[in-house]
Amino acid sequence: MDISEEIFITNLGIHIRQLREKKGLSQQALADDCDIRKTQIGRIERAEINTTIKTLVKIANALDIEPKELLDFPLK
């Protein structure tokens, strides 16, 4: 199955937003927990940037989930 990078990054951003909202966190609260800027969280969620594995690990830790769970989402 061929997956375009754009579709994957878009779906990743949607998934991160859903996980964040499920935990009841604002973008600012998640950013604070990750020690990154709120604008970076927003850009990840809107698929404006291709984030690093290091940042994904920070996000997973802040959401109290395994990093692999960030990548477990259906592609639309």
Protein backbone atom coordinates (compact mmCIF):
# COMPACT_ATOMS: atom_id res chain seq x y z
CA MET A 1 0.00 0.00 0.00
CA ASP A 2 1.42 3.37 -1.03
CA ILE A 3 0.88 6.16 1.49
CA SER A 4 1.65 9.74 0.59
CA GLU A 5 3.70 11.70 3.09
CA GLU A 6 1.14 14.51 3.09
CA ILE A 7 -1.75 12.20 3.95
CA PHE A 8 0.25 10.53 6.71
CA ILE A 9 1.33 13.83 8.27
CA THR A 10 -2.23 15.19 8.04
CA ASN A 11 -3.67 12.12 9.75
CA LEU A 12 -0.91 12.20 12.38
CA GLY A 13 -1.84 15.78 13.24
CA ILE A 14 -5.53 14.92 13.49
CA HIS A 15 -4.72 11.96 15.73
CA ILE A 16 -2.51 14.03 18.04
CA ARG A 17 -5.25 16.65 18.34
CA GLN A 18 -7.82 13.95 19.18
CA LEU A 19 -5.54 12.42 21.82
CA ARG A 20 -4.82 15.85 23.32
CA GLU A 21 -8.52 16.74 23.47
CA LYS A 22 -9.37 13.32 24.95
CA LYS A 23 -6.95 14.12 27.80
CA GLY A 24 -8.62 17.52 28.21
CA LEU A 25 -5.45 19.43 27.38
CA SER A 26 -5.19 22.71 25.53
CA GLN A 27 -2.45 23.21 22.98
CA GLN A 28 -0.70 25.43 25.52
CA ALA A 29 -0.87 22.81 28.27
CA LEU A 30 0.53 20.13 25.96
CA ALA A 31 3.25 22.48 24.76
CA ASP A 32 4.19 23.29 28.36
CA ASP A 33 4.36 19.59 29.24
CA CYS A 34 6.55 18.96 26.19
CA ASP A 35 8.74 22.03 26.75
CA ILE A 36 8.03 23.26 23.22
CA ARG A 37 6.11 26.23 21.84
CA LYS A 38 2.33 26.22 21.48
CA THR A 39 2.74 27.30 17.87
CA GLN A 40 4.70 24.12 17.19
CA ILE A 41 1.86 21.97 18.56
CA GLY A 42 -0.58 23.86 16.34
CA ARG A 43 1.63 23.44 13.29
CA ILE A 44 1.95 19.70 13.95
CA GLU A 45 -1.81 19.32 14.36
CA ARG A 46 -2.45 21.28 11.14
CA ALA A 47 0.20 19.24 9.27
CA GLU A 48 2.21 22.35 8.47
CA ILE A 49 5.46 20.73 9.59
CA ASN A 50 7.01 17.30 9.53
CA THR A 51 7.98 16.91 13.18
CA THR A 52 10.90 14.96 14.59
CA ILE A 53 10.85 11.66 16.42
CA LYS A 54 12.27 13.51 19.43
CA THR A 55 9.21 15.78 19.52
CA LEU A 56 6.85 12.83 19.04
CA VAL A 57 8.42 11.14 22.07
CA LYS A 58 7.90 14.33 24.10
CA ILE A 59 4.26 14.46 23.01
CA ALA A 60 3.72 10.78 23.84
CA ASN A 61 5.26 11.27 27.29
CA ALA A 62 3.08 14.32 27.93
CA LEU A 63 -0.02 12.36 26.88
CA ASP A 64 1.11 9.41 29.04
CA ILE A 65 1.05 6.96 26.13
CA GLU A 66 3.59 4.82 24.30
CA PRO A 67 5.15 6.62 21.32
CA LYS A 68 3.87 3.88 18.99
CA GLU A 69 0.30 4.86 19.90
CA LEU A 70 0.84 8.20 18.17
CA LEU A 71 1.31 6.31 14.91
CA ASP A 72 -1.65 3.97 15.34
CA PHE A 73 -4.45 5.64 13.41
CA PRO A 74 -6.54 4.94 10.31
CA LEU A 75 -5.53 6.70 7.12
CA LYS A 76 -8.25 8.76 5.48
